[in-house]
Amino acid sequence: MSKYEIMFIVKATMEADMVASTAKDMQALIADNKGKVLEFKELGEKKLAYPIKKELNGYYYVMQVEANHETVSEFDRKALLNENVLRHLVIRIDED
């Protein structure tokens, strides 16, 4: 299994419990698909550099995970389908 860093932005116009629920769902996607979340950080609400889907602010989250390619592909697919996730980025961490 490889290590990845995943960053995603959740809509800030929702209620706080919906934001937390969406973040928990994204975290659960990794665990449910035989991956392991090593670290999870909430970076808080920040102003976006440009409007995304008419949103001006978003809640930023970063997590480091250990997973196989299929797990990351499934996360990518579900993040694209989730209307509450504005953007996401998956980066593979090289182990030297």
PDB file of N, CA and C in Angstrom:
ATOM      1  N   MET A   1       0.829  -1.182   0.000  1.00  0.00           N
ATOM      2  CA  MET A   1       0.000   0.000   0.000  1.00  0.00           C
ATOM      3  C   MET A   1       0.874   1.247   0.000  1.00  0.00           C
ATOM      4  N   SER A   2       0.398   2.263  -0.656  1.00  0.00           N
ATOM      5  CA  SER A   2       1.120   3.526  -0.771  1.00  0.00           C
ATOM      6  C   SER A   2       0.519   4.573   0.149  1.00  0.00           C
ATOM      7  N   LYS A   3       1.302   5.608   0.403  1.00  0.00           N
ATOM      8  CA  LYS A   3       0.811   6.717   1.220  1.00  0.00           C
ATOM      9  C   LYS A   3       0.374   7.849   0.301  1.00  0.00           C
ATOM     10  N   TYR A   4      -0.745   8.468   0.665  1.00  0.00           N
ATOM     11  CA  TYR A   4      -1.303   9.570  -0.103  1.00  0.00           C
ATOM     12  C   TYR A   4      -1.669  10.706   0.832  1.00  0.00           C
ATOM     13  N   GLU A   5      -1.641  11.914   0.293  1.00  0.00           N
ATOM     14  CA  GLU A   5      -2.176  13.070   1.002  1.00  0.00           C
ATOM     15  C   GLU A   5      -3.386  13.545   0.215  1.00  0.00           C
ATOM     16  N   ILE A   6      -4.505  13.676   0.903  1.00  0.00           N
ATOM     17  CA  ILE A   6      -5.754  14.070   0.254  1.00  0.00           C
ATOM     18  C   ILE A   6      -6.230  15.369   0.890  1.00  0.00           C
ATOM     19  N   MET A   7      -6.507  16.369   0.048  1.00  0.00           N
ATOM     20  CA  MET A   7      -7.054  17.631   0.516  1.00  0.00           C
ATOM     21  C   MET A   7      -8.414  17.785  -0.150  1.00  0.00           C
ATOM     22  N   PHE A   8      -9.409  18.220   0.636  1.00  0.00           N
ATOM     23  CA  PHE A   8     -10.706  18.501   0.037  1.00  0.00           C
ATOM     24  C   PHE A   8     -11.342  19.718   0.703  1.00  0.00           C
ATOM     25  N   ILE A   9     -12.201  20.388  -0.061  1.00  0.00           N
ATOM     26  CA  ILE A   9     -12.872  21.596   0.398  1.00  0.00           C
ATOM     27  C   ILE A   9     -14.371  21.330   0.426  1.00  0.00           C
ATOM     28  N   VAL A  10     -14.994  21.622   1.572  1.00  0.00           N
ATOM     29  CA  VAL A  10     -16.429  21.408   1.755  1.00  0.00           C
ATOM     30  C   VAL A  10     -17.122  22.771   1.762  1.00  0.00           C
ATOM     31  N   LYS A  11     -18.328  22.835   1.208  1.00  0.00           N
ATOM     32  CA  LYS A  11     -19.113  24.079   1.178  1.00  0.00           C
ATOM     33  C   LYS A  11     -19.243  24.670   2.577  1.00  0.00           C
ATOM     34  N   ALA A  12     -19.099  25.984   2.678  1.00  0.00           N
ATOM     35  CA  ALA A  12     -19.210  26.655   3.976  1.00  0.00           C
ATOM     36  C   ALA A  12     -20.619  27.178   4.228  1.00  0.00           C
ATOM     37  N   THR A  13     -21.475  27.145   3.234  1.00  0.00           N
ATOM     38  CA  THR A  13     -22.827  27.689   3.396  1.00  0.00           C
ATOM     39  C   THR A  13     -23.789  26.701   4.052  1.00  0.00           C
ATOM     40  N   MET A  14     -23.315  25.518   4.381  1.00  0.00           N
ATOM     41  CA  MET A  14     -24.149  24.527   5.053  1.00  0.00           C
ATOM     42  C   MET A  14     -24.060  24.726   6.566  1.00  0.00           C
ATOM     43  N   GLU A  15     -24.934  24.033   7.299  1.00  0.00           N
ATOM     44  CA  GLU A  15     -24.861  24.071   8.757  1.00  0.00           C
ATOM     45  C   GLU A  15     -23.617  23.316   9.220  1.00  0.00           C
ATOM     46  N   ALA A  16     -23.140  23.653  10.410  1.00  0.00           N
ATOM     47  CA  ALA A  16     -21.894  23.085  10.931  1.00  0.00           C
ATOM     48  C   ALA A  16     -21.946  21.569  11.038  1.00  0.00           C
ATOM     49  N   ASP A  17     -23.097  21.012  11.442  1.00  0.00           N
ATOM     50  CA  ASP A  17     -23.172  19.557  11.569  1.00  0.00           C
ATOM     51  C   ASP A  17     -23.135  18.865  10.207  1.00  0.00           C
ATOM     52  N   MET A  18     -23.643  19.519   9.161  1.00  0.00           N
ATOM     53  CA  MET A  18     -23.572  18.947   7.807  1.00  0.00           C
ATOM     54  C   MET A  18     -22.136  18.971   7.272  1.00  0.00           C
ATOM     55  N   VAL A  19     -21.410  20.035   7.606  1.00  0.00           N
ATOM     56  CA  VAL A  19     -20.000  20.134   7.199  1.00  0.00           C
ATOM     57  C   VAL A  19     -19.203  19.011   7.863  1.00  0.00           C
ATOM     58  N   ALA A  20     -19.403  18.825   9.169  1.00  0.00           N
ATOM     59  CA  ALA A  20     -18.700  17.774   9.912  1.00  0.00           C
ATOM     60  C   ALA A  20     -19.096  16.397   9.399  1.00  0.00           C
ATOM     61  N   SER A  21     -20.359  16.216   9.071  1.00  0.00           N
ATOM     62  CA  SER A  21     -20.842  14.936   8.553  1.00  0.00           C
ATOM     63  C   SER A  21     -20.208  14.610   7.195  1.00  0.00           C
ATOM     64  N   THR A  22     -20.093  15.618   6.342  1.00  0.00           N
ATOM     65  CA  THR A  22     -19.462  15.418   5.033  1.00  0.00           C
ATOM     66  C   THR A  22     -17.996  15.044   5.197  1.00  0.00           C
ATOM     67  N   ALA A  23     -17.300  15.720   6.102  1.00  0.00           N
ATOM     68  CA  ALA A  23     -15.885  15.413   6.354  1.00  0.00           C
ATOM     69  C   ALA A  23     -15.734  13.995   6.895  1.00  0.00           C
ATOM     70  N   LYS A  24     -16.642  13.590   7.783  1.00  0.00           N
ATOM     71  CA  LYS A  24     -16.603  12.241   8.339  1.00  0.00           C
ATOM     72  C   LYS A  24     -16.869  11.187   7.259  1.00  0.00           C
ATOM     73  N   ASP A  25     -17.796  11.502   6.341  1.00  0.00           N
ATOM     74  CA  ASP A  25     -18.101  10.596   5.230  1.00  0.00           C
ATOM     75  C   ASP A  25     -16.885  10.398   4.327  1.00  0.00           C
ATOM     76  N   MET A  26     -16.161  11.479   4.062  1.00  0.00           N
ATOM     77  CA  MET A  26     -14.968  11.391   3.211  1.00  0.00           C
ATOM     78  C   MET A  26     -13.891  10.544   3.897  1.00  0.00           C
ATOM     79  N   GLN A  27     -13.786  10.692   5.203  1.00  0.00           N
ATOM     80  CA  GLN A  27     -12.827   9.910   5.978  1.00  0.00           C
ATOM     81  C   GLN A  27     -13.240   8.435   5.973  1.00  0.00           C
ATOM     82  N   ALA A  28     -14.529   8.182   6.095  1.00  0.00           N
ATOM     83  CA  ALA A  28     -15.038   6.807   6.125  1.00  0.00           C
ATOM     84  C   ALA A  28     -14.868   6.106   4.782  1.00  0.00           C
ATOM     85  N   LEU A  29     -14.863   6.854   3.691  1.00  0.00           N
ATOM     86  CA  LEU A  29     -14.658   6.247   2.367  1.00  0.00           C
ATOM     87  C   LEU A  29     -13.339   5.481   2.305  1.00  0.00           C
ATOM     88  N   ILE A  30     -12.325   6.040   2.924  1.00  0.00           N
ATOM     89  CA  ILE A  30     -11.010   5.376   2.929  1.00  0.00           C
ATOM     90  C   ILE A  30     -11.067   4.117   3.779  1.00  0.00           C
ATOM     91  N   ALA A  31     -11.589   4.235   4.996  1.00  0.00           N
ATOM     92  CA  ALA A  31     -11.636   3.093   5.921  1.00  0.00           C
ATOM     93  C   ALA A  31     -12.527   1.972   5.395  1.00  0.00           C
ATOM     94  N   ASP A  32     -13.625   2.319   4.749  1.00  0.00           N
ATOM     95  CA  ASP A  32     -14.552   1.309   4.229  1.00  0.00           C
ATOM     96  C   ASP A  32     -13.988   0.537   3.040  1.00  0.00           C
ATOM     97  N   ASN A  33     -12.985   1.104   2.376  1.00  0.00           N
ATOM     98  CA  ASN A  33     -12.393   0.463   1.200  1.00  0.00           C
ATOM     99  C   ASN A  33     -10.988  -0.062   1.481  1.00  0.00           C
ATOM    100  N   LYS A  34     -10.768  -0.571   2.674  1.00  0.00           N
ATOM    101  CA  LYS A  34      -9.519  -1.228   3.079  1.00  0.00           C
ATOM    102  C   LYS A  34      -8.318  -0.295   3.128  1.00  0.00           C
ATOM    103  N   GLY A  35      -8.570   0.990   3.360  1.00  0.00           N
ATOM    104  CA  GLY A  35      -7.488   1.948   3.539  1.00  0.00           C
ATOM    105  C   GLY A  35      -7.372   2.310   5.007  1.00  0.00           C
ATOM    106  N   LYS A  36      -6.377   3.117   5.323  1.00  0.00           N
ATOM    107  CA  LYS A  36      -6.149   3.495   6.715  1.00  0.00           C
ATOM    108  C   LYS A  36      -5.837   4.989   6.773  1.00  0.00           C
ATOM    109  N   VAL A  37      -6.597   5.732   7.572  1.00  0.00           N
ATOM    110  CA  VAL A  37      -6.357   7.164   7.744  1.00  0.00           C
ATOM    111  C   VAL A  37      -5.300   7.323   8.824  1.00  0.00           C
ATOM    112  N   LEU A  38      -4.147   7.855   8.450  1.00  0.00           N
ATOM    113  CA  LEU A  38      -3.043   8.031   9.389  1.00  0.00           C
ATOM    114  C   LEU A  38      -3.154   9.338  10.165  1.00  0.00           C
ATOM    115  N   GLU A  39      -3.614  10.380   9.478  1.00  0.00           N
ATOM    116  CA  GLU A  39      -3.710  11.701  10.100  1.00  0.00           C
ATOM    117  C   GLU A  39      -4.847  12.467   9.439  1.00  0.00           C
ATOM    118  N   PHE A  40      -5.608  13.204  10.239  1.00  0.00           N
ATOM    119  CA  PHE A  40      -6.734  13.985   9.720  1.00  0.00           C
ATOM    120  C   PHE A  40      -6.701  15.360  10.357  1.00  0.00           C
ATOM    121  N   LYS A  41      -6.655  16.411   9.525  1.00  0.00           N
ATOM    122  CA  LYS A  41      -6.588  17.779  10.040  1.00  0.00           C
ATOM    123  C   LYS A  41      -7.714  18.614   9.447  1.00  0.00           C
ATOM    124  N   GLU A  42      -8.354  19.384  10.305  1.00  0.00           N
ATOM    125  CA  GLU A  42      -9.325  20.373   9.838  1.00  0.00           C
ATOM    126  C   GLU A  42      -8.609  21.719   9.840  1.00  0.00           C
ATOM    127  N   LEU A  43      -8.504  22.329   8.677  1.00  0.00           N
ATOM    128  CA  LEU A  43      -7.793  23.602   8.570  1.00  0.00           C
ATOM    129  C   LEU A  43      -8.726  24.795   8.742  1.00  0.00           C
ATOM    130  N   GLY A  44     -10.018  24.536   8.835  1.00  0.00           N
ATOM    131  CA  GLY A  44     -10.981  25.598   9.096  1.00  0.00           C
ATOM    132  C   GLY A  44     -11.522  26.247   7.841  1.00  0.00           C
ATOM    133  N   GLU A  45     -12.326  27.288   8.057  1.00  0.00           N
ATOM    134  CA  GLU A  45     -12.955  27.996   6.940  1.00  0.00           C
ATOM    135  C   GLU A  45     -12.004  29.046   6.382  1.00  0.00           C
ATOM    136  N   LYS A  46     -11.882  29.059   5.064  1.00  0.00           N
ATOM    137  CA  LYS A  46     -11.008  30.020   4.394  1.00  0.00           C
ATOM    138  C   LYS A  46     -11.719  30.576   3.178  1.00  0.00           C
ATOM    139  N   LYS A  47     -11.300  31.750   2.773  1.00  0.00           N
ATOM    140  CA  LYS A  47     -11.831  32.366   1.564  1.00  0.00           C
ATOM    141  C   LYS A  47     -11.194  31.680   0.359  1.00  0.00           C
ATOM    142  N   LEU A  48     -12.007  31.341  -0.618  1.00  0.00           N
ATOM    143  CA  LEU A  48     -11.497  30.707  -1.828  1.00  0.00           C
ATOM    144  C   LEU A  48     -10.824  31.756  -2.711  1.00  0.00           C
ATOM    145  N   ALA A  49      -9.846  31.336  -3.498  1.00  0.00           N
ATOM    146  CA  ALA A  49      -9.139  32.251  -4.392  1.00  0.00           C
ATOM    147  C   ALA A  49     -10.071  32.776  -5.485  1.00  0.00           C
ATOM    148  N   TYR A  50     -11.031  31.955  -5.862  1.00  0.00           N
ATOM    149  CA  TYR A  50     -12.030  32.346  -6.868  1.00  0.00           C
ATOM    150  C   TYR A  50     -13.308  31.569  -6.560  1.00  0.00           C
ATOM    151  N   PRO A  51     -14.456  32.095  -6.978  1.00  0.00           N
ATOM    152  CA  PRO A  51     -15.717  31.394  -6.686  1.00  0.00           C
ATOM    153  C   PRO A  51     -15.774  30.013  -7.356  1.00  0.00           C
ATOM    154  N   ILE A  52     -16.225  29.015  -6.599  1.00  0.00           N
ATOM    155  CA  ILE A  52     -16.429  27.666  -7.107  1.00  0.00           C
ATOM    156  C   ILE A  52     -17.891  27.327  -6.853  1.00  0.00           C
ATOM    157  N   LYS A  53     -18.627  27.048  -7.909  1.00  0.00           N
ATOM    158  CA  LYS A  53     -20.059  26.746  -7.798  1.00  0.00           C
ATOM    159  C   LYS A  53     -20.786  27.825  -6.984  1.00  0.00           C
ATOM    160  N   LYS A  54     -20.442  29.082  -7.235  1.00  0.00           N
ATOM    161  CA  LYS A  54     -21.017  30.262  -6.574  1.00  0.00           C
ATOM    162  C   LYS A  54     -20.699  30.341  -5.087  1.00  0.00           C
ATOM    163  N   GLU A  55     -19.745  29.565  -4.609  1.00  0.00           N
ATOM    164  CA  GLU A  55     -19.310  29.594  -3.203  1.00  0.00           C
ATOM    165  C   GLU A  55     -18.067  30.485  -3.093  1.00  0.00           C
ATOM    166  N   LEU A  56     -18.002  31.290  -2.038  1.00  0.00           N
ATOM    167  CA  LEU A  56     -16.857  32.170  -1.822  1.00  0.00           C
ATOM    168  C   LEU A  56     -15.932  31.676  -0.716  1.00  0.00           C
ATOM    169  N   ASN A  57     -16.459  30.838   0.197  1.00  0.00           N
ATOM    170  CA  ASN A  57     -15.684  30.280   1.307  1.00  0.00           C
ATOM    171  C   ASN A  57     -15.837  28.771   1.322  1.00  0.00           C
ATOM    172  N   GLY A  58     -14.889  28.106   1.982  1.00  0.00           N
ATOM    173  CA  GLY A  58     -14.972  26.658   2.117  1.00  0.00           C
ATOM    174  C   GLY A  58     -14.201  26.176   3.328  1.00  0.00           C
ATOM    175  N   TYR A  59     -14.592  25.016   3.836  1.00  0.00           N
ATOM    176  CA  TYR A  59     -13.866  24.371   4.930  1.00  0.00           C
ATOM    177  C   TYR A  59     -12.825  23.436   4.329  1.00  0.00           C
ATOM    178  N   TYR A  60     -11.583  23.617   4.718  1.00  0.00           N
ATOM    179  CA  TYR A  60     -10.472  22.835   4.180  1.00  0.00           C
ATOM    180  C   TYR A  60     -10.136  21.683   5.128  1.00  0.00           C
ATOM    181  N   TYR A  61      -9.885  20.523   4.547  1.00  0.00           N
ATOM    182  CA  TYR A  61      -9.481  19.333   5.305  1.00  0.00           C
ATOM    183  C   TYR A  61      -8.307  18.675   4.590  1.00  0.00           C
ATOM    184  N   VAL A  62      -7.375  18.141   5.372  1.00  0.00           N
ATOM    185  CA  VAL A  62      -6.232  17.411   4.824  1.00  0.00           C
ATOM    186  C   VAL A  62      -6.097  16.110   5.603  1.00  0.00           C
ATOM    187  N   MET A  63      -5.896  15.016   4.876  1.00  0.00           N
ATOM    188  CA  MET A  63      -5.653  13.745   5.564  1.00  0.00           C
ATOM    189  C   MET A  63      -4.555  12.976   4.857  1.00  0.00           C
ATOM    190  N   GLN A  64      -3.768  12.282   5.655  1.00  0.00           N
ATOM    191  CA  GLN A  64      -2.762  11.382   5.122  1.00  0.00           C
ATOM    192  C   GLN A  64      -3.297   9.973   5.296  1.00  0.00           C
ATOM    193  N   VAL A  65      -3.248   9.211   4.211  1.00  0.00           N
ATOM    194  CA  VAL A  65      -3.817   7.874   4.230  1.00  0.00           C
ATOM    195  C   VAL A  65      -2.826   6.864   3.664  1.00  0.00           C
ATOM    196  N   GLU A  66      -3.064   5.632   4.038  1.00  0.00           N
ATOM    197  CA  GLU A  66      -2.324   4.514   3.474  1.00  0.00           C
ATOM    198  C   GLU A  66      -3.362   3.648   2.771  1.00  0.00           C
ATOM    199  N   ALA A  67      -3.236   3.531   1.456  1.00  0.00           N
ATOM    200  CA  ALA A  67      -4.272   2.845   0.692  1.00  0.00           C
ATOM    201  C   ALA A  67      -3.707   2.326  -0.618  1.00  0.00           C
ATOM    202  N   ASN A  68      -4.489   1.457  -1.257  1.00  0.00           N
ATOM    203  CA  ASN A  68      -4.090   0.983  -2.578  1.00  0.00           C
ATOM    204  C   ASN A  68      -4.744   1.862  -3.641  1.00  0.00           C
ATOM    205  N   HIS A  69      -4.400   1.634  -4.887  1.00  0.00           N
ATOM    206  CA  HIS A  69      -4.878   2.469  -5.988  1.00  0.00           C
ATOM    207  C   HIS A  69      -6.399   2.412  -6.132  1.00  0.00           C
ATOM    208  N   GLU A  70      -6.991   1.255  -5.919  1.00  0.00           N
ATOM    209  CA  GLU A  70      -8.446   1.103  -6.066  1.00  0.00           C
ATOM    210  C   GLU A  70      -9.190   1.949  -5.031  1.00  0.00           C
ATOM    211  N   THR A  71      -8.677   1.995  -3.815  1.00  0.00           N
ATOM    212  CA  THR A  71      -9.299   2.791  -2.752  1.00  0.00           C
ATOM    213  C   THR A  71      -9.259   4.271  -3.099  1.00  0.00           C
ATOM    214  N   VAL A  72      -8.124   4.735  -3.584  1.00  0.00           N
ATOM    215  CA  VAL A  72      -7.980   6.143  -3.949  1.00  0.00           C
ATOM    216  C   VAL A  72      -8.862   6.472  -5.147  1.00  0.00           C
ATOM    217  N   SER A  73      -8.969   5.571  -6.098  1.00  0.00           N
ATOM    218  CA  SER A  73      -9.841   5.784  -7.254  1.00  0.00           C
ATOM    219  C   SER A  73     -11.299   5.884  -6.831  1.00  0.00           C
ATOM    220  N   GLU A  74     -11.700   5.053  -5.879  1.00  0.00           N
ATOM    221  CA  GLU A  74     -13.076   5.096  -5.373  1.00  0.00           C
ATOM    222  C   GLU A  74     -13.329   6.399  -4.615  1.00  0.00           C
ATOM    223  N   PHE A  75     -12.350   6.852  -3.824  1.00  0.00           N
ATOM    224  CA  PHE A  75     -12.484   8.134  -3.135  1.00  0.00           C
ATOM    225  C   PHE A  75     -12.659   9.256  -4.149  1.00  0.00           C
ATOM    226  N   ASP A  76     -11.845   9.244  -5.184  1.00  0.00           N
ATOM    227  CA  ASP A  76     -11.904  10.258  -6.232  1.00  0.00           C
ATOM    228  C   ASP A  76     -13.286  10.277  -6.888  1.00  0.00           C
ATOM    229  N   ARG A  77     -13.812   9.122  -7.196  1.00  0.00           N
ATOM    230  CA  ARG A  77     -15.123   9.003  -7.841  1.00  0.00           C
ATOM    231  C   ARG A  77     -16.235   9.551  -6.940  1.00  0.00           C
ATOM    232  N   LYS A  78     -16.217   9.148  -5.666  1.00  0.00           N
ATOM    233  CA  LYS A  78     -17.264   9.577  -4.734  1.00  0.00           C
ATOM    234  C   LYS A  78     -17.158  11.069  -4.416  1.00  0.00           C
ATOM    235  N   ALA A  79     -15.935  11.601  -4.366  1.00  0.00           N
ATOM    236  CA  ALA A  79     -15.756  13.031  -4.099  1.00  0.00           C
ATOM    237  C   ALA A  79     -16.297  13.867  -5.257  1.00  0.00           C
ATOM    238  N   LEU A  80     -16.138  13.367  -6.473  1.00  0.00           N
ATOM    239  CA  LEU A  80     -16.688  14.072  -7.638  1.00  0.00           C
ATOM    240  C   LEU A  80     -18.220  14.070  -7.616  1.00  0.00           C
ATOM    241  N   LEU A  81     -18.818  13.011  -7.110  1.00  0.00           N
ATOM    242  CA  LEU A  81     -20.276  12.892  -7.072  1.00  0.00           C
ATOM    243  C   LEU A  81     -20.909  13.656  -5.910  1.00  0.00           C
ATOM    244  N   ASN A  82     -20.155  13.879  -4.848  1.00  0.00           N
ATOM    245  CA  ASN A  82     -20.683  14.537  -3.650  1.00  0.00           C
ATOM    246  C   ASN A  82     -20.836  16.038  -3.915  1.00  0.00           C
ATOM    247  N   GLU A  83     -22.063  16.533  -3.841  1.00  0.00           N
ATOM    248  CA  GLU A  83     -22.341  17.945  -4.124  1.00  0.00           C
ATOM    249  C   GLU A  83     -21.775  18.883  -3.065  1.00  0.00           C
ATOM    250  N   ASN A  84     -21.503  18.387  -1.877  1.00  0.00           N
ATOM    251  CA  ASN A  84     -20.987  19.222  -0.792  1.00  0.00           C
ATOM    252  C   ASN A  84     -19.482  19.435  -0.871  1.00  0.00           C
ATOM    253  N   VAL A  85     -18.784  18.627  -1.676  1.00  0.00           N
ATOM    254  CA  VAL A  85     -17.342  18.765  -1.840  1.00  0.00           C
ATOM    255  C   VAL A  85     -17.087  19.639  -3.072  1.00  0.00           C
ATOM    256  N   LEU A  86     -16.469  20.798  -2.831  1.00  0.00           N
ATOM    257  CA  LEU A  86     -16.214  21.723  -3.933  1.00  0.00           C
ATOM    258  C   LEU A  86     -15.029  21.281  -4.787  1.00  0.00           C
ATOM    259  N   ARG A  87     -13.937  20.925  -4.142  1.00  0.00           N
ATOM    260  CA  ARG A  87     -12.725  20.480  -4.843  1.00  0.00           C
ATOM    261  C   ARG A  87     -12.022  19.448  -3.978  1.00  0.00           C
ATOM    262  N   HIS A  88     -11.210  18.612  -4.624  1.00  0.00           N
ATOM    263  CA  HIS A  88     -10.359  17.684  -3.887  1.00  0.00           C
ATOM    264  C   HIS A  88      -9.091  17.441  -4.692  1.00  0.00           C
ATOM    265  N   LEU A  89      -8.052  17.029  -4.002  1.00  0.00           N
ATOM    266  CA  LEU A  89      -6.773  16.763  -4.629  1.00  0.00           C
ATOM    267  C   LEU A  89      -6.114  15.595  -3.922  1.00  0.00           C
ATOM    268  N   VAL A  90      -5.628  14.631  -4.699  1.00  0.00           N
ATOM    269  CA  VAL A  90      -4.958  13.454  -4.155  1.00  0.00           C
ATOM    270  C   VAL A  90      -3.527  13.453  -4.646  1.00  0.00           C
ATOM    271  N   ILE A  91      -2.574  13.378  -3.720  1.00  0.00           N
ATOM    272  CA  ILE A  91      -1.156  13.370  -4.064  1.00  0.00           C
ATOM    273  C   ILE A  91      -0.512  12.139  -3.448  1.00  0.00           C
ATOM    274  N   ARG A  92       0.222  11.397  -4.260  1.00  0.00           N
ATOM    275  CA  ARG A  92       0.957  10.239  -3.736  1.00  0.00           C
ATOM    276  C   ARG A  92       2.249  10.724  -3.121  1.00  0.00           C
ATOM    277  N   ILE A  93       2.546  10.269  -1.920  1.00  0.00           N
ATOM    278  CA  ILE A  93       3.759  10.671  -1.209  1.00  0.00           C
ATOM    279  C   ILE A  93       4.850   9.653  -1.504  1.00  0.00           C
ATOM    280  N   ASP A  94       5.954  10.131  -2.064  1.00  0.00           N
ATOM    281  CA  ASP A  94       7.079   9.246  -2.363  1.00  0.00           C
ATOM    282  C   ASP A  94       7.811   8.912  -1.082  1.00  0.00           C
ATOM    283  N   GLU A  95       8.155   7.642  -0.948  1.00  0.00           N
ATOM    284  CA  GLU A  95       8.911   7.213   0.223  1.00  0.00           C
ATOM    285  C   GLU A  95      10.353   6.953  -0.197  1.00  0.00           C
ATOM    286  N   ASP A  96      11.221   7.856   0.194  1.00  0.00           N
ATOM    287  CA  ASP A  96      12.641   7.722  -0.174  1.00  0.00           C
ATOM    288  C   ASP A  96      13.457   7.210   0.977  1.00  0.00           C
TER     289      ASP A  96
END
